[in-house]
Amino acid sequence: MNKIRWGIIGCGDVTEVKSGPALQKANGSELVAVMRRNGDLAKDYAQRHKVPKWYDDAQDLINDPDVDAVYIATPPSTHKEYSLAVAKAKKPVYVEKPMALSHKECQEMIHACEILSVPLFVAYYRRALPRFLKIKSLLGNKAIGSIRAINIQLYKPATESDIKGQQNWRVNPQVAGGGYFVDLASHMIDLLQFFIGPIISAAGHKSNQAGLYTAEDIVSASLLFEDNIQASGIWCFNTGIDFEQTQILGSDGEITYSNFMETPVVLRRNGKEEIFNIDHPVHIQQPLIQRIVDELLGKGISPSRGTTAAKTNWVMDQLLAK
């Protein structure tokens, strides 16, 4: 095999720019089929993106002999169901983040894939982006000495649609596993575990302050990594400001960065400041997809897989008291 032919289950907004074109543009990769329950929308996506096949039934896509691997881009409530179906067909699984509704579901997915010897990857694509690889390199080279503490902040105003009470699956815990915290903090927590190692203890508080939806709209956290590195975090989705930053403090300096905003990585040490402006690619999942394709073709290893992603679900379960 010299090419991986992909199918997508759930060709919604996330696949328009972030991932769908990346599956087409990565070396050794081809997008050959897409599926959406609304067949008209699946057909429209296929025609616009020049994909040969479209389906309105997931199992039909899974069973397609021209599909070698499947990317599951649906909301978290169906991640386990579709992952198990793809694994049963003995095809590699690439699933959106967060990996599932709970750590328990993640474990079931991992177990099924291990039993069937099927690779399981998760779309924590920041693990492959040059900006964040630079941070990992700085930390590995002890640019700020030994890591001591981490501060995580994310503040966002309530959205206009939430204020109006419009339906939004991202704040429906039965579909998303929680609210915006689960959607956004999952990237932030996973990235820190990529930089530093696993979180071994997590405790926190959650509340719904604004009452705009049923999910939590504020979460605070106290996290403990190996080597006694401690972190504090707060995520609030009903503030009057829009701000996000992670600060990693070391014995000799600090690194600050944004997970979601186009701001530079800043290194401060010895009274001096270094700024690193590293742009993201147009199709932000492409570097990770390339690593996944390379692994499937026997050329490398993906940094994000079921076993790493499940650890982030475990942390979020602790913070949300699931």
C-alpha atoms as a PDB file:
ATOM      1  CA  MET A   1       0.000   0.000   0.000  1.00  0.00           C
ATOM      2  CA  ASN A   2       1.365   3.399  -0.976  1.00  0.00           C
ATOM      3  CA  LYS A   3      -1.757   5.481  -0.335  1.00  0.00           C
ATOM      4  CA  ILE A   4      -4.425   5.685   2.379  1.00  0.00           C
ATOM      5  CA  ARG A   5      -7.941   6.179   0.995  1.00  0.00           C
ATOM      6  CA  TRP A   6     -10.155   7.926   3.533  1.00  0.00           C
ATOM      7  CA  GLY A   7     -13.846   8.119   4.202  1.00  0.00           C
ATOM      8  CA  ILE A   8     -15.442  10.762   6.438  1.00  0.00           C
ATOM      9  CA  ILE A   9     -18.444  10.096   8.663  1.00  0.00           C
ATOM     10  CA  GLY A  10     -20.051  13.470   9.398  1.00  0.00           C
ATOM     11  CA  CYS A  11     -18.879  15.979   6.788  1.00  0.00           C
ATOM     12  CA  GLY A  12     -19.955  19.089   8.710  1.00  0.00           C
ATOM     13  CA  ASP A  13     -18.302  22.442   9.371  1.00  0.00           C
ATOM     14  CA  VAL A  14     -15.105  21.068  10.945  1.00  0.00           C
ATOM     15  CA  THR A  15     -14.311  19.198   7.712  1.00  0.00           C
ATOM     16  CA  GLU A  16     -14.723  22.156   5.351  1.00  0.00           C
ATOM     17  CA  VAL A  17     -11.265  23.682   5.914  1.00  0.00           C
ATOM     18  CA  LYS A  18      -9.611  22.152   8.962  1.00  0.00           C
ATOM     19  CA  SER A  19      -9.563  18.482   8.002  1.00  0.00           C
ATOM     20  CA  GLY A  20     -11.313  17.480   4.772  1.00  0.00           C
ATOM     21  CA  PRO A  21      -8.867  19.248   2.404  1.00  0.00           C
ATOM     22  CA  ALA A  22      -6.005  18.053   4.628  1.00  0.00           C
ATOM     23  CA  LEU A  23      -6.996  14.438   3.933  1.00  0.00           C
ATOM     24  CA  GLN A  24      -6.758  15.277   0.228  1.00  0.00           C
ATOM     25  CA  LYS A  25      -3.464  17.199   0.392  1.00  0.00           C
ATOM     26  CA  ALA A  26      -1.358  15.074   2.741  1.00  0.00           C
ATOM     27  CA  ASN A  27       1.244  12.960   0.967  1.00  0.00           C
ATOM     28  CA  GLY A  28       0.054   9.404   0.443  1.00  0.00           C
ATOM     29  CA  SER A  29      -3.536  10.347   1.324  1.00  0.00           C
ATOM     30  CA  GLU A  30      -6.775  10.541  -0.638  1.00  0.00           C
ATOM     31  CA  LEU A  31     -10.376  11.352   0.334  1.00  0.00           C
ATOM     32  CA  VAL A  32     -12.655   8.991  -1.594  1.00  0.00           C
ATOM     33  CA  ALA A  33     -16.000   9.035   0.260  1.00  0.00           C
ATOM     34  CA  VAL A  34     -18.066  11.151   2.652  1.00  0.00           C
ATOM     35  CA  MET A  35     -21.206  10.472   4.657  1.00  0.00           C
ATOM     36  CA  ARG A  36     -23.876  12.638   6.227  1.00  0.00           C
ATOM     37  CA  ARG A  37     -27.349  11.585   7.377  1.00  0.00           C
ATOM     38  CA  ASN A  38     -28.779  14.249   5.085  1.00  0.00           C
ATOM     39  CA  GLY A  39     -27.913  12.818   1.693  1.00  0.00           C
ATOM     40  CA  ASP A  40     -28.362  16.136  -0.103  1.00  0.00           C
ATOM     41  CA  LEU A  41     -25.746  17.741   2.148  1.00  0.00           C
ATOM     42  CA  ALA A  42     -23.382  14.786   1.679  1.00  0.00           C
ATOM     43  CA  LYS A  43     -23.775  15.045  -2.103  1.00  0.00           C
ATOM     44  CA  ASP A  44     -23.195  18.808  -1.978  1.00  0.00           C
ATOM     45  CA  TYR A  45     -19.991  18.353   0.058  1.00  0.00           C
ATOM     46  CA  ALA A  46     -18.730  15.662  -2.310  1.00  0.00           C
ATOM     47  CA  GLN A  47     -19.364  17.798  -5.370  1.00  0.00           C
ATOM     48  CA  ARG A  48     -17.764  20.929  -3.904  1.00  0.00           C
ATOM     49  CA  HIS A  49     -14.668  19.065  -2.705  1.00  0.00           C
ATOM     50  CA  LYS A  50     -14.417  16.719  -5.708  1.00  0.00           C
ATOM     51  CA  VAL A  51     -14.908  13.564  -3.633  1.00  0.00           C
ATOM     52  CA  PRO A  52     -15.942  10.576  -5.793  1.00  0.00           C
ATOM     53  CA  LYS A  53     -18.524   8.992  -3.467  1.00  0.00           C
ATOM     54  CA  TRP A  54     -21.103  10.090  -0.916  1.00  0.00           C
ATOM     55  CA  TYR A  55     -23.440   8.205   1.430  1.00  0.00           C
ATOM     56  CA  ASP A  56     -26.298   8.897   3.836  1.00  0.00           C
ATOM     57  CA  ASP A  57     -25.618   5.733   5.847  1.00  0.00           C
ATOM     58  CA  ALA A  58     -22.423   5.318   7.878  1.00  0.00           C
ATOM     59  CA  GLN A  59     -22.278   1.552   7.564  1.00  0.00           C
ATOM     60  CA  ASP A  60     -22.343   1.791   3.783  1.00  0.00           C
ATOM     61  CA  LEU A  61     -19.267   4.022   3.887  1.00  0.00           C
ATOM     62  CA  ILE A  62     -17.537   1.737   6.379  1.00  0.00           C
ATOM     63  CA  ASN A  63     -18.196  -1.296   4.168  1.00  0.00           C
ATOM     64  CA  ASP A  64     -16.953   0.408   0.995  1.00  0.00           C
ATOM     65  CA  PRO A  65     -13.935  -1.649  -0.183  1.00  0.00           C
ATOM     66  CA  ASP A  66     -12.324   1.506  -1.580  1.00  0.00           C
ATOM     67  CA  VAL A  67     -12.201   3.063   1.911  1.00  0.00           C
ATOM     68  CA  ASP A  68      -9.047   2.067   3.815  1.00  0.00           C
ATOM     69  CA  ALA A  69      -9.489   4.275   6.932  1.00  0.00           C
ATOM     70  CA  VAL A  70     -12.320   6.312   8.440  1.00  0.00           C
ATOM     71  CA  TYR A  71     -12.337   9.785   9.983  1.00  0.00           C
ATOM     72  CA  ILE A  72     -15.249  10.260  12.421  1.00  0.00           C
ATOM     73  CA  ALA A  73     -16.160  13.966  12.516  1.00  0.00           C
ATOM     74  CA  THR A  74     -19.503  13.739  14.325  1.00  0.00           C
ATOM     75  CA  PRO A  75     -20.371  15.141  17.785  1.00  0.00           C
ATOM     76  CA  PRO A  76     -18.936  13.113  20.720  1.00  0.00           C
ATOM     77  CA  SER A  77     -22.198  11.263  21.428  1.00  0.00           C
ATOM     78  CA  THR A  78     -21.623   8.992  18.415  1.00  0.00           C
ATOM     79  CA  HIS A  79     -17.832   8.641  18.587  1.00  0.00           C
ATOM     80  CA  LYS A  80     -17.909   5.320  20.412  1.00  0.00           C
ATOM     81  CA  GLU A  81     -20.662   3.835  18.239  1.00  0.00           C
ATOM     82  CA  TYR A  82     -18.937   4.660  14.976  1.00  0.00           C
ATOM     83  CA  SER A  83     -15.441   3.808  16.253  1.00  0.00           C
ATOM     84  CA  LEU A  84     -16.564   0.319  17.236  1.00  0.00           C
ATOM     85  CA  ALA A  85     -18.227  -0.172  13.848  1.00  0.00           C
ATOM     86  CA  VAL A  86     -15.095   0.916  11.974  1.00  0.00           C
ATOM     87  CA  ALA A  87     -12.888  -1.258  14.188  1.00  0.00           C
ATOM     88  CA  LYS A  88     -15.162  -4.248  13.523  1.00  0.00           C
ATOM     89  CA  ALA A  89     -14.496  -3.685   9.802  1.00  0.00           C
ATOM     90  CA  LYS A  90     -10.747  -3.833  10.610  1.00  0.00           C
ATOM     91  CA  LYS A  91     -10.136  -0.298   9.358  1.00  0.00           C
ATOM     92  CA  PRO A  92      -8.041   2.383  11.136  1.00  0.00           C
ATOM     93  CA  VAL A  93     -10.035   4.946  13.115  1.00  0.00           C
ATOM     94  CA  TYR A  94      -9.374   8.703  13.287  1.00  0.00           C
ATOM     95  CA  VAL A  95     -11.906  10.340  15.619  1.00  0.00           C
ATOM     96  CA  GLU A  96     -12.559  13.977  16.458  1.00  0.00           C
ATOM     97  CA  LYS A  97     -11.887  15.417  19.910  1.00  0.00           C
ATOM     98  CA  PRO A  98     -12.939  15.093  22.626  1.00  0.00           C
ATOM     99  CA  MET A  99     -12.530  11.372  22.087  1.00  0.00           C
ATOM    100  CA  ALA A 100     -15.880  10.392  23.659  1.00  0.00           C
ATOM    101  CA  LEU A 101     -18.504  11.418  26.209  1.00  0.00           C
ATOM    102  CA  SER A 102     -16.505   9.961  29.108  1.00  0.00           C
ATOM    103  CA  HIS A 103     -13.285   8.201  30.039  1.00  0.00           C
ATOM    104  CA  LYS A 104     -15.243   4.952  30.323  1.00  0.00           C
ATOM    105  CA  GLU A 105     -16.301   5.221  26.687  1.00  0.00           C
ATOM    106  CA  CYS A 106     -12.694   5.965  25.695  1.00  0.00           C
ATOM    107  CA  GLN A 107     -11.556   2.787  27.431  1.00  0.00           C
ATOM    108  CA  GLU A 108     -14.165   0.768  25.568  1.00  0.00           C
ATOM    109  CA  MET A 109     -12.959   2.190  22.260  1.00  0.00           C
ATOM    110  CA  ILE A 110      -9.313   1.481  23.088  1.00  0.00           C
ATOM    111  CA  HIS A 111     -10.110  -2.074  24.176  1.00  0.00           C
ATOM    112  CA  ALA A 112     -12.108  -2.828  21.011  1.00  0.00           C
ATOM    113  CA  CYS A 113      -9.365  -1.511  18.750  1.00  0.00           C
ATOM    114  CA  GLU A 114      -6.652  -3.379  20.631  1.00  0.00           C
ATOM    115  CA  ILE A 115      -8.561  -6.680  20.438  1.00  0.00           C
ATOM    116  CA  LEU A 116      -9.010  -6.235  16.686  1.00  0.00           C
ATOM    117  CA  SER A 117      -5.477  -4.840  16.121  1.00  0.00           C
ATOM    118  CA  VAL A 118      -6.890  -1.616  14.655  1.00  0.00           C
ATOM    119  CA  PRO A 119      -5.019   1.719  15.021  1.00  0.00           C
ATOM    120  CA  LEU A 120      -6.988   4.407  16.876  1.00  0.00           C
ATOM    121  CA  PHE A 121      -6.064   8.077  16.449  1.00  0.00           C
ATOM    122  CA  VAL A 122      -7.653  11.241  17.885  1.00  0.00           C
ATOM    123  CA  ALA A 123      -7.722  14.753  16.390  1.00  0.00           C
ATOM    124  CA  TYR A 124      -5.658  16.576  18.991  1.00  0.00           C
ATOM    125  CA  TYR A 125      -3.872  18.195  16.075  1.00  0.00           C
ATOM    126  CA  ARG A 126      -2.002  20.784  18.130  1.00  0.00           C
ATOM    127  CA  ARG A 127       0.478  18.028  18.967  1.00  0.00           C
ATOM    128  CA  ALA A 128       1.777  18.277  15.387  1.00  0.00           C
ATOM    129  CA  LEU A 129       1.642  22.042  14.769  1.00  0.00           C
ATOM    130  CA  PRO A 130       5.019  23.834  14.427  1.00  0.00           C
ATOM    131  CA  ARG A 131       4.074  26.547  16.957  1.00  0.00           C
ATOM    132  CA  PHE A 132       3.486  24.023  19.723  1.00  0.00           C
ATOM    133  CA  LEU A 133       6.393  21.794  18.728  1.00  0.00           C
ATOM    134  CA  LYS A 134       8.555  24.891  19.298  1.00  0.00           C
ATOM    135  CA  ILE A 135       7.235  25.157  22.860  1.00  0.00           C
ATOM    136  CA  LYS A 136       7.885  21.463  23.466  1.00  0.00           C
ATOM    137  CA  SER A 137      11.448  21.945  22.188  1.00  0.00           C
ATOM    138  CA  LEU A 138      12.019  24.974  24.444  1.00  0.00           C
ATOM    139  CA  LEU A 139      10.796  23.030  27.470  1.00  0.00           C
ATOM    140  CA  GLY A 140      12.843  19.969  26.542  1.00  0.00           C
ATOM    141  CA  ASN A 141      15.965  22.118  26.220  1.00  0.00           C
ATOM    142  CA  LYS A 142      15.336  23.644  29.669  1.00  0.00           C
ATOM    143  CA  ALA A 143      14.908  27.144  28.259  1.00  0.00           C
ATOM    144  CA  ILE A 144      13.100  28.115  31.482  1.00  0.00           C
ATOM    145  CA  GLY A 145      14.891  25.631  33.738  1.00  0.00           C
ATOM    146  CA  SER A 146      12.751  23.180  35.684  1.00  0.00           C
ATOM    147  CA  ILE A 147       8.998  23.603  35.282  1.00  0.00           C
ATOM    148  CA  ARG A 148       7.380  24.780  38.524  1.00  0.00           C
ATOM    149  CA  ALA A 149       3.809  25.929  37.879  1.00  0.00           C
ATOM    150  CA  ILE A 150       1.248  26.553  35.147  1.00  0.00           C
ATOM    151  CA  ASN A 151      -1.599  29.069  34.908  1.00  0.00           C
ATOM    152  CA  ILE A 152      -4.404  28.430  32.413  1.00  0.00           C
ATOM    153  CA  GLN A 153      -6.990  31.097  31.588  1.00  0.00           C
ATOM    154  CA  LEU A 154      -9.846  31.193  29.098  1.00  0.00           C
ATOM    155  CA  TYR A 155     -12.565  33.848  29.288  1.00  0.00           C
ATOM    156  CA  LYS A 156     -15.278  34.371  26.686  1.00  0.00           C
ATOM    157  CA  PRO A 157     -18.513  36.354  26.519  1.00  0.00           C
ATOM    158  CA  ALA A 158     -21.765  34.465  26.067  1.00  0.00           C
ATOM    159  CA  THR A 159     -22.578  34.012  22.391  1.00  0.00           C
ATOM    160  CA  GLU A 160     -25.494  35.815  20.785  1.00  0.00           C
ATOM    161  CA  SER A 161     -27.108  32.503  19.834  1.00  0.00           C
ATOM    162  CA  ASP A 162     -26.898  31.220  23.421  1.00  0.00           C
ATOM    163  CA  ILE A 163     -28.387  34.449  24.748  1.00  0.00           C
ATOM    164  CA  LYS A 164     -31.276  33.975  22.304  1.00  0.00           C
ATOM    165  CA  GLY A 165     -31.717  30.371  23.441  1.00  0.00           C
ATOM    166  CA  GLN A 166     -31.018  28.893  20.020  1.00  0.00           C
ATOM    167  CA  GLN A 167     -30.276  25.178  19.810  1.00  0.00           C
ATOM    168  CA  ASN A 168     -26.553  24.373  20.034  1.00  0.00           C
ATOM    169  CA  TRP A 169     -25.261  20.820  20.437  1.00  0.00           C
ATOM    170  CA  ARG A 170     -21.961  22.078  21.896  1.00  0.00           C
ATOM    171  CA  VAL A 171     -23.738  23.028  25.142  1.00  0.00           C
ATOM    172  CA  ASN A 172     -25.904  19.893  25.279  1.00  0.00           C
ATOM    173  CA  PRO A 173     -24.176  17.479  27.684  1.00  0.00           C
ATOM    174  CA  GLN A 174     -25.983  14.470  26.200  1.00  0.00           C
ATOM    175  CA  VAL A 175     -24.418  15.226  22.812  1.00  0.00           C
ATOM    176  CA  ALA A 176     -21.144  16.986  23.682  1.00  0.00           C
ATOM    177  CA  GLY A 177     -20.331  15.535  27.110  1.00  0.00           C
ATOM    178  CA  GLY A 178     -20.504  19.007  28.665  1.00  0.00           C
ATOM    179  CA  GLY A 179     -20.373  22.576  27.387  1.00  0.00           C
ATOM    180  CA  TYR A 180     -17.735  24.806  25.814  1.00  0.00           C
ATOM    181  CA  PHE A 181     -15.307  23.671  28.508  1.00  0.00           C
ATOM    182  CA  VAL A 182     -15.258  20.164  27.044  1.00  0.00           C
ATOM    183  CA  ASP A 183     -14.906  21.489  23.509  1.00  0.00           C
ATOM    184  CA  LEU A 184     -12.069  23.963  24.167  1.00  0.00           C
ATOM    185  CA  ALA A 185     -10.350  22.951  27.405  1.00  0.00           C
ATOM    186  CA  SER A 186      -9.797  19.465  25.991  1.00  0.00           C
ATOM    187  CA  HIS A 187      -7.272  20.935  23.518  1.00  0.00           C
ATOM    188  CA  MET A 188      -5.554  22.905  26.288  1.00  0.00           C
ATOM    189  CA  ILE A 189      -5.311  19.985  28.703  1.00  0.00           C
ATOM    190  CA  ASP A 190      -4.150  17.547  26.042  1.00  0.00           C
ATOM    191  CA  LEU A 191      -1.439  19.944  24.880  1.00  0.00           C
ATOM    192  CA  LEU A 192      -0.057  20.357  28.400  1.00  0.00           C
ATOM    193  CA  GLN A 193       0.120  16.592  28.802  1.00  0.00           C
ATOM    194  CA  PHE A 194       1.978  16.461  25.484  1.00  0.00           C
ATOM    195  CA  PHE A 195       4.460  19.046  26.774  1.00  0.00           C
ATOM    196  CA  ILE A 196       4.924  17.799  30.317  1.00  0.00           C
ATOM    197  CA  GLY A 197       3.496  14.334  30.839  1.00  0.00           C
ATOM    198  CA  PRO A 198       0.341  12.888  32.385  1.00  0.00           C
ATOM    199  CA  ILE A 199      -1.799  14.673  34.932  1.00  0.00           C
ATOM    200  CA  ILE A 200      -2.017  12.338  37.927  1.00  0.00           C
ATOM    201  CA  SER A 201      -4.519  14.264  40.071  1.00  0.00           C
ATOM    202  CA  ALA A 202      -7.321  16.657  39.169  1.00  0.00           C
ATOM    203  CA  ALA A 203      -9.900  18.446  41.276  1.00  0.00           C
ATOM    204  CA  GLY A 204     -12.140  21.403  40.592  1.00  0.00           C
ATOM    205  CA  HIS A 205     -15.478  23.117  40.652  1.00  0.00           C
ATOM    206  CA  LYS A 206     -18.113  23.654  37.980  1.00  0.00           C
ATOM    207  CA  SER A 207     -21.139  25.945  37.921  1.00  0.00           C
ATOM    208  CA  ASN A 208     -23.766  27.381  35.622  1.00  0.00           C
ATOM    209  CA  GLN A 209     -23.751  31.090  36.412  1.00  0.00           C
ATOM    210  CA  ALA A 210     -25.695  32.648  33.533  1.00  0.00           C
ATOM    211  CA  GLY A 211     -28.350  29.947  33.119  1.00  0.00           C
ATOM    212  CA  LEU A 212     -28.338  30.184  29.324  1.00  0.00           C
ATOM    213  CA  TYR A 213     -28.125  26.411  28.826  1.00  0.00           C
ATOM    214  CA  THR A 214     -27.929  23.239  30.917  1.00  0.00           C
ATOM    215  CA  ALA A 215     -24.161  22.661  30.680  1.00  0.00           C
ATOM    216  CA  GLU A 216     -21.570  24.260  32.950  1.00  0.00           C
ATOM    217  CA  ASP A 217     -20.389  27.731  31.923  1.00  0.00           C
ATOM    218  CA  ILE A 218     -17.509  28.072  34.406  1.00  0.00           C
ATOM    219  CA  VAL A 219     -14.952  25.505  35.565  1.00  0.00           C
ATOM    220  CA  SER A 220     -11.931  25.900  37.829  1.00  0.00           C
ATOM    221  CA  ALA A 221      -9.177  23.326  38.269  1.00  0.00           C
ATOM    222  CA  SER A 222      -6.242  22.293  40.392  1.00  0.00           C
ATOM    223  CA  LEU A 223      -4.003  19.866  38.511  1.00  0.00           C
ATOM    224  CA  LEU A 224      -0.962  17.851  39.552  1.00  0.00           C
ATOM    225  CA  PHE A 225       1.532  16.481  37.034  1.00  0.00           C
ATOM    226  CA  GLU A 226       4.352  14.078  37.703  1.00  0.00           C
ATOM    227  CA  ASP A 227       7.455  15.607  39.342  1.00  0.00           C
ATOM    228  CA  ASN A 228       5.139  17.698  41.580  1.00  0.00           C
ATOM    229  CA  ILE A 229       4.414  20.252  38.853  1.00  0.00           C
ATOM    230  CA  GLN A 230       1.178  22.036  39.720  1.00  0.00           C
ATOM    231  CA  ALA A 231      -1.303  23.905  37.552  1.00  0.00           C
ATOM    232  CA  SER A 232      -4.343  26.046  38.140  1.00  0.00           C
ATOM    233  CA  GLY A 233      -6.963  26.741  35.501  1.00  0.00           C
ATOM    234  CA  ILE A 234     -10.169  28.673  35.038  1.00  0.00           C
ATOM    235  CA  TRP A 235     -12.517  28.614  32.069  1.00  0.00           C
ATOM    236  CA  CYS A 236     -15.466  31.022  32.038  1.00  0.00           C
ATOM    237  CA  PHE A 237     -17.915  31.463  29.157  1.00  0.00           C
ATOM    238  CA  ASN A 238     -20.026  34.352  30.457  1.00  0.00           C
ATOM    239  CA  THR A 239     -17.525  37.172  30.968  1.00  0.00           C
ATOM    240  CA  GLY A 240     -17.314  40.657  29.477  1.00  0.00           C
ATOM    241  CA  ILE A 241     -13.898  40.008  27.912  1.00  0.00           C
ATOM    242  CA  ASP A 242     -12.360  37.607  25.394  1.00  0.00           C
ATOM    243  CA  PHE A 243      -8.971  36.429  26.670  1.00  0.00           C
ATOM    244  CA  GLU A 244      -6.990  33.193  26.586  1.00  0.00           C
ATOM    245  CA  GLN A 245      -3.454  32.415  27.707  1.00  0.00           C
ATOM    246  CA  THR A 246      -1.379  29.639  29.203  1.00  0.00           C
ATOM    247  CA  GLN A 247       1.673  30.565  31.275  1.00  0.00           C
ATOM    248  CA  ILE A 248       4.353  27.981  32.078  1.00  0.00           C
ATOM    249  CA  LEU A 249       6.641  29.115  34.892  1.00  0.00           C
ATOM    250  CA  GLY A 250      10.093  27.631  35.398  1.00  0.00           C
ATOM    251  CA  SER A 251      12.989  28.040  37.779  1.00  0.00           C
ATOM    252  CA  ASP A 252      14.715  30.338  35.248  1.00  0.00           C
ATOM    253  CA  GLY A 253      11.904  32.032  33.320  1.00  0.00           C
ATOM    254  CA  GLU A 254       8.483  31.648  31.740  1.00  0.00           C
ATOM    255  CA  ILE A 255       6.755  30.807  28.460  1.00  0.00           C
ATOM    256  CA  THR A 256       3.362  32.246  27.539  1.00  0.00           C
ATOM    257  CA  TYR A 257       1.234  31.214  24.587  1.00  0.00           C
ATOM    258  CA  SER A 258      -2.295  31.056  23.269  1.00  0.00           C
ATOM    259  CA  ASN A 259      -3.995  27.846  22.254  1.00  0.00           C
ATOM    260  CA  PHE A 260      -6.552  29.489  19.975  1.00  0.00           C
ATOM    261  CA  MET A 261      -5.499  33.063  19.186  1.00  0.00           C
ATOM    262  CA  GLU A 262      -2.937  34.124  16.563  1.00  0.00           C
ATOM    263  CA  THR A 263      -0.527  35.568  19.111  1.00  0.00           C
ATOM    264  CA  PRO A 264       3.188  34.766  19.360  1.00  0.00           C
ATOM    265  CA  VAL A 265       4.901  32.411  21.769  1.00  0.00           C
ATOM    266  CA  VAL A 266       6.866  34.500  24.273  1.00  0.00           C
ATOM    267  CA  LEU A 267       9.930  33.308  26.205  1.00  0.00           C
ATOM    268  CA  ARG A 268      11.124  35.457  29.116  1.00  0.00           C
ATOM    269  CA  ARG A 269      14.369  34.743  30.978  1.00  0.00           C
ATOM    270  CA  ASN A 270      17.299  36.680  32.385  1.00  0.00           C
ATOM    271  CA  GLY A 271      15.415  39.933  31.984  1.00  0.00           C
ATOM    272  CA  LYS A 272      15.087  39.409  28.219  1.00  0.00           C
ATOM    273  CA  GLU A 273      12.163  38.511  25.979  1.00  0.00           C
ATOM    274  CA  GLU A 274      12.178  36.359  22.854  1.00  0.00           C
ATOM    275  CA  ILE A 275       9.151  36.308  20.572  1.00  0.00           C
ATOM    276  CA  PHE A 276       8.359  33.466  18.195  1.00  0.00           C
ATOM    277  CA  ASN A 277       5.822  34.173  15.440  1.00  0.00           C
ATOM    278  CA  ILE A 278       4.942  30.807  13.916  1.00  0.00           C
ATOM    279  CA  ASP A 279       1.938  30.689  11.620  1.00  0.00           C
ATOM    280  CA  HIS A 280      -0.511  27.818  11.488  1.00  0.00           C
ATOM    281  CA  PRO A 281      -1.085  26.007   8.175  1.00  0.00           C
ATOM    282  CA  VAL A 282      -4.235  26.816   6.207  1.00  0.00           C
ATOM    283  CA  HIS A 283      -5.622  23.331   6.878  1.00  0.00           C
ATOM    284  CA  ILE A 284      -4.791  23.081  10.539  1.00  0.00           C
ATOM    285  CA  GLN A 285      -5.128  19.304  10.851  1.00  0.00           C
ATOM    286  CA  GLN A 286      -2.812  18.560   7.946  1.00  0.00           C
ATOM    287  CA  PRO A 287       0.420  18.081   9.961  1.00  0.00           C
ATOM    288  CA  LEU A 288      -1.240  15.542  12.269  1.00  0.00           C
ATOM    289  CA  ILE A 289      -3.009  13.810   9.383  1.00  0.00           C
ATOM    290  CA  GLN A 290       0.351  13.539   7.651  1.00  0.00           C
ATOM    291  CA  ARG A 291       1.822  11.867  10.752  1.00  0.00           C
ATOM    292  CA  ILE A 292      -1.133   9.448  10.869  1.00  0.00           C
ATOM    293  CA  VAL A 293      -0.839   8.598   7.172  1.00  0.00           C
ATOM    294  CA  ASP A 294       2.903   8.101   7.577  1.00  0.00           C
ATOM    295  CA  GLU A 295       2.317   5.682  10.453  1.00  0.00           C
ATOM    296  CA  LEU A 296      -0.275   3.726   8.489  1.00  0.00           C
ATOM    297  CA  LEU A 297       2.225   3.486   5.636  1.00  0.00           C
ATOM    298  CA  GLY A 298       4.957   2.302   8.010  1.00  0.00           C
ATOM    299  CA  LYS A 299       6.990   5.531   7.971  1.00  0.00           C
ATOM    300  CA  GLY A 300       6.532   7.046  11.438  1.00  0.00           C
ATOM    301  CA  ILE A 301       4.432   7.438  14.578  1.00  0.00           C
ATOM    302  CA  SER A 302       1.462   9.703  15.307  1.00  0.00           C
ATOM    303  CA  PRO A 303       1.736  11.765  18.524  1.00  0.00           C
ATOM    304  CA  SER A 304      -2.037  11.592  19.187  1.00  0.00           C
ATOM    305  CA  ARG A 305      -3.831   8.302  19.643  1.00  0.00           C
ATOM    306  CA  GLY A 306      -6.553   6.750  21.770  1.00  0.00           C
ATOM    307  CA  THR A 307      -4.281   6.030  24.699  1.00  0.00           C
ATOM    308  CA  THR A 308      -3.097   9.642  24.959  1.00  0.00           C
ATOM    309  CA  ALA A 309      -6.500  11.216  24.298  1.00  0.00           C
ATOM    310  CA  ALA A 310      -8.267   9.107  26.923  1.00  0.00           C
ATOM    311  CA  LYS A 311      -6.118  10.754  29.608  1.00  0.00           C
ATOM    312  CA  THR A 312      -7.653  14.124  28.759  1.00  0.00           C
ATOM    313  CA  ASN A 313     -11.153  12.675  29.088  1.00  0.00           C
ATOM    314  CA  TRP A 314     -10.155  11.309  32.505  1.00  0.00           C
ATOM    315  CA  VAL A 315      -9.051  14.784  33.650  1.00  0.00           C
ATOM    316  CA  MET A 316     -12.274  16.380  32.422  1.00  0.00           C
ATOM    317  CA  ASP A 317     -14.344  13.679  34.117  1.00  0.00           C
ATOM    318  CA  GLN A 318     -12.642  14.527  37.428  1.00  0.00           C
ATOM    319  CA  LEU A 319     -13.272  18.251  37.007  1.00  0.00           C
ATOM    320  CA  LEU A 320     -16.920  17.785  36.002  1.00  0.00           C
ATOM    321  CA  ALA A 321     -17.495  15.143  38.714  1.00  0.00           C
ATOM    322  CA  LYS A 322     -18.761  12.550  36.233  1.00  0.00           C
END
